[in-house]
Amino acid sequence: MYLHIGKDIVINDKDIISILNLNYVKNTKTYKKMYKNLEEKKAIINIADNKEKTFILTKEKSVEKAYISNISVNTLIKRVI
């Protein structure tokens, strides 16, 4: 099954590692370290238009990638279930 995360982008739900609420995690050391690591690899795709709500971490064929979306965690989870 595929998950629409905004801006005509869909991802395979089997590739999702986590869907995180940015309001809760953006100031944590773990998130900052993960973000910096992915940013260095140019593996962050921001589709939020300055309304960042979620951080979606994926792994496809051993390649980690992250999406930043303006769709809430609750809405994304409802779409997956």
N, C-alpha and C. Protein backbone atom coordinates (compact mmCIF):
# COMPACT_ATOMS: atom_id res chain seq x y z
N MET A 1 0.85 -1.17 0.00
CA MET A 1 0.00 0.00 0.00
C MET A 1 0.90 1.24 0.00
N TYR A 2 0.38 2.31 -0.54
CA TYR A 2 1.13 3.56 -0.63
C TYR A 2 0.47 4.64 0.21
N LEU A 3 1.31 5.55 0.69
CA LEU A 3 0.85 6.63 1.54
C LEU A 3 1.10 7.96 0.86
N HIS A 4 0.05 8.75 0.68
CA HIS A 4 0.18 10.10 0.12
C HIS A 4 0.59 11.04 1.25
N ILE A 5 1.76 11.71 1.10
CA ILE A 5 2.26 12.58 2.16
C ILE A 5 2.21 14.06 1.80
N GLY A 6 1.61 14.36 0.66
CA GLY A 6 1.48 15.75 0.23
C GLY A 6 2.23 16.01 -1.07
N LYS A 7 1.86 17.10 -1.74
CA LYS A 7 2.51 17.53 -2.99
C LYS A 7 2.66 16.41 -4.01
N ASP A 8 1.64 15.61 -4.17
CA ASP A 8 1.64 14.50 -5.14
C ASP A 8 2.76 13.49 -4.90
N ILE A 9 3.23 13.38 -3.67
CA ILE A 9 4.27 12.41 -3.34
C ILE A 9 3.64 11.26 -2.56
N VAL A 10 3.91 10.06 -3.03
CA VAL A 10 3.45 8.86 -2.35
C VAL A 10 4.67 7.99 -2.05
N ILE A 11 4.62 7.32 -0.91
CA ILE A 11 5.70 6.42 -0.53
C ILE A 11 5.09 5.07 -0.14
N ASN A 12 5.87 4.05 -0.34
CA ASN A 12 5.43 2.71 0.02
C ASN A 12 5.41 2.60 1.54
N ASP A 13 4.30 2.19 2.10
CA ASP A 13 4.21 2.12 3.57
C ASP A 13 5.16 1.08 4.16
N LYS A 14 5.62 0.14 3.38
CA LYS A 14 6.58 -0.85 3.86
C LYS A 14 7.97 -0.25 4.07
N ASP A 15 8.23 0.90 3.44
CA ASP A 15 9.53 1.56 3.56
C ASP A 15 9.59 2.52 4.75
N ILE A 16 8.47 2.77 5.39
CA ILE A 16 8.42 3.74 6.50
C ILE A 16 9.03 3.14 7.75
N ILE A 17 9.98 3.87 8.32
CA ILE A 17 10.58 3.49 9.60
C ILE A 17 9.83 4.19 10.72
N SER A 18 9.58 5.49 10.54
CA SER A 18 8.85 6.22 11.58
C SER A 18 8.20 7.47 11.00
N ILE A 19 7.14 7.89 11.68
CA ILE A 19 6.47 9.16 11.38
C ILE A 19 6.47 9.93 12.70
N LEU A 20 7.20 11.03 12.72
CA LEU A 20 7.40 11.78 13.95
C LEU A 20 6.76 13.15 13.91
N ASN A 21 6.21 13.57 15.03
CA ASN A 21 5.63 14.90 15.17
C ASN A 21 6.78 15.87 15.43
N LEU A 22 7.01 16.80 14.52
CA LEU A 22 8.13 17.73 14.66
C LEU A 22 8.03 18.63 15.87
N ASN A 23 6.82 18.94 16.32
CA ASN A 23 6.68 19.78 17.52
C ASN A 23 7.31 19.13 18.74
N TYR A 24 7.31 17.82 18.79
CA TYR A 24 7.85 17.10 19.95
C TYR A 24 9.33 16.74 19.81
N VAL A 25 9.80 16.50 18.60
CA VAL A 25 11.16 15.97 18.44
C VAL A 25 12.20 16.94 17.91
N LYS A 26 11.80 18.07 17.36
CA LYS A 26 12.76 18.93 16.67
C LYS A 26 13.86 19.50 17.54
N ASN A 27 13.69 19.53 18.83
CA ASN A 27 14.71 20.07 19.72
C ASN A 27 15.49 19.00 20.47
N THR A 28 15.30 17.74 20.13
CA THR A 28 16.02 16.67 20.80
C THR A 28 17.38 16.43 20.14
N LYS A 29 18.32 15.95 20.91
CA LYS A 29 19.67 15.67 20.39
C LYS A 29 19.63 14.59 19.31
N THR A 30 18.82 13.57 19.53
CA THR A 30 18.74 12.47 18.58
C THR A 30 18.24 12.96 17.22
N TYR A 31 17.18 13.78 17.23
CA TYR A 31 16.63 14.30 15.98
C TYR A 31 17.66 15.19 15.27
N LYS A 32 18.30 16.06 16.01
CA LYS A 32 19.28 16.98 15.41
C LYS A 32 20.43 16.21 14.77
N LYS A 33 20.88 15.16 15.45
CA LYS A 33 21.96 14.33 14.90
C LYS A 33 21.50 13.61 13.63
N MET A 34 20.31 13.02 13.68
CA MET A 34 19.76 12.31 12.53
C MET A 34 19.55 13.27 11.36
N TYR A 35 19.01 14.46 11.64
CA TYR A 35 18.75 15.45 10.60
C TYR A 35 20.06 15.87 9.93
N LYS A 36 21.08 16.16 10.74
CA LYS A 36 22.37 16.58 10.20
C LYS A 36 22.97 15.50 9.31
N ASN A 37 22.89 14.25 9.76
CA ASN A 37 23.41 13.13 8.99
C ASN A 37 22.70 12.99 7.65
N LEU A 38 21.38 13.07 7.66
CA LEU A 38 20.62 12.97 6.41
C LEU A 38 20.84 14.19 5.52
N GLU A 39 20.99 15.35 6.11
CA GLU A 39 21.22 16.57 5.33
C GLU A 39 22.56 16.49 4.59
N GLU A 40 23.59 15.95 5.25
CA GLU A 40 24.89 15.78 4.61
C GLU A 40 24.81 14.85 3.41
N LYS A 41 23.92 13.88 3.48
CA LYS A 41 23.73 12.92 2.39
C LYS A 41 22.74 13.43 1.34
N LYS A 42 22.22 14.65 1.57
CA LYS A 42 21.19 15.23 0.69
C LYS A 42 20.00 14.29 0.56
N ALA A 43 19.56 13.78 1.71
CA ALA A 43 18.49 12.79 1.74
C ALA A 43 17.24 13.31 2.46
N ILE A 44 17.09 14.63 2.51
CA ILE A 44 15.90 15.21 3.12
C ILE A 44 15.10 15.93 2.04
N ILE A 45 13.84 15.61 1.97
CA ILE A 45 12.95 16.23 1.00
C ILE A 45 11.87 16.98 1.78
N ASN A 46 11.92 18.29 1.69
CA ASN A 46 10.96 19.12 2.43
C ASN A 46 9.84 19.54 1.49
N ILE A 47 8.63 19.08 1.77
CA ILE A 47 7.46 19.41 0.95
C ILE A 47 6.43 20.18 1.76
N ALA A 48 6.87 20.79 2.86
CA ALA A 48 5.94 21.37 3.83
C ALA A 48 5.55 22.82 3.59
N ASP A 49 6.21 23.55 2.73
CA ASP A 49 5.88 24.95 2.49
C ASP A 49 5.82 25.77 3.79
N ASN A 50 6.86 25.68 4.60
CA ASN A 50 6.98 26.45 5.85
C ASN A 50 5.94 26.11 6.90
N LYS A 51 5.24 25.00 6.77
CA LYS A 51 4.26 24.55 7.77
C LYS A 51 4.62 23.14 8.19
N GLU A 52 5.85 22.96 8.62
CA GLU A 52 6.38 21.64 8.94
C GLU A 52 5.68 21.01 10.14
N LYS A 53 5.12 19.83 9.92
CA LYS A 53 4.42 19.13 11.00
C LYS A 53 5.00 17.75 11.27
N THR A 54 5.42 17.06 10.22
CA THR A 54 5.88 15.68 10.41
C THR A 54 7.22 15.43 9.73
N PHE A 55 7.94 14.48 10.31
CA PHE A 55 9.21 14.01 9.78
C PHE A 55 9.02 12.52 9.53
N ILE A 56 9.10 12.13 8.27
CA ILE A 56 8.85 10.74 7.88
C ILE A 56 10.17 10.12 7.45
N LEU A 57 10.64 9.17 8.22
CA LEU A 57 11.90 8.50 7.92
C LEU A 57 11.61 7.20 7.18
N THR A 58 12.28 7.02 6.05
CA THR A 58 12.07 5.82 5.23
C THR A 58 13.40 5.15 4.92
N LYS A 59 13.30 3.90 4.54
CA LYS A 59 14.49 3.16 4.11
C LYS A 59 14.05 2.23 2.99
N GLU A 60 14.61 2.47 1.82
CA GLU A 60 14.30 1.66 0.64
C GLU A 60 15.60 1.15 0.05
N LYS A 61 15.72 -0.15 -0.01
CA LYS A 61 16.93 -0.78 -0.55
C LYS A 61 18.18 -0.25 0.16
N SER A 62 18.14 -0.23 1.46
CA SER A 62 19.23 0.20 2.35
C SER A 62 19.62 1.67 2.20
N VAL A 63 18.76 2.48 1.59
CA VAL A 63 19.00 3.92 1.48
C VAL A 63 17.98 4.65 2.34
N GLU A 64 18.49 5.38 3.34
CA GLU A 64 17.61 6.15 4.21
C GLU A 64 17.30 7.50 3.57
N LYS A 65 16.05 7.91 3.75
CA LYS A 65 15.58 9.17 3.22
C LYS A 65 14.54 9.71 4.18
N ALA A 66 14.43 11.03 4.25
CA ALA A 66 13.44 11.64 5.13
C ALA A 66 12.61 12.65 4.36
N TYR A 67 11.35 12.71 4.70
CA TYR A 67 10.43 13.68 4.12
C TYR A 67 9.89 14.55 5.24
N ILE A 68 9.79 15.83 4.99
CA ILE A 68 9.15 16.73 5.94
C ILE A 68 7.86 17.19 5.29
N SER A 69 6.75 16.94 5.98
CA SER A 69 5.43 17.19 5.41
C SER A 69 4.62 18.14 6.29
N ASN A 70 3.65 18.77 5.68
CA ASN A 70 2.75 19.65 6.43
C ASN A 70 1.46 18.93 6.83
N ILE A 71 1.40 17.64 6.60
CA ILE A 71 0.23 16.84 7.01
C ILE A 71 0.51 16.27 8.40
N SER A 72 -0.47 16.32 9.27
CA SER A 72 -0.26 15.90 10.66
C SER A 72 -0.01 14.40 10.77
N VAL A 73 0.63 14.04 11.86
CA VAL A 73 0.91 12.63 12.15
C VAL A 73 -0.38 11.82 12.20
N ASN A 74 -1.39 12.35 12.88
CA ASN A 74 -2.67 11.63 13.00
C ASN A 74 -3.29 11.34 11.65
N THR A 75 -3.27 12.31 10.76
CA THR A 75 -3.84 12.12 9.42
C THR A 75 -3.07 11.07 8.64
N LEU A 76 -1.74 11.13 8.70
CA LEU A 76 -0.92 10.15 7.98
C LEU A 76 -1.16 8.74 8.51
N ILE A 77 -1.24 8.61 9.81
CA ILE A 77 -1.47 7.29 10.40
C ILE A 77 -2.84 6.75 9.99
N LYS A 78 -3.86 7.60 9.96
CA LYS A 78 -5.19 7.16 9.51
C LYS A 78 -5.16 6.68 8.08
N ARG A 79 -4.31 7.31 7.25
CA ARG A 79 -4.23 6.91 5.86
C ARG A 79 -3.55 5.56 5.71
N VAL A 80 -2.66 5.22 6.61
CA VAL A 80 -1.93 3.95 6.53
C VAL A 80 -2.79 2.79 7.01
N ILE A 81 -3.60 3.04 8.02
CA ILE A 81 -4.40 1.97 8.62
C ILE A 81 -5.55 1.56 7.73
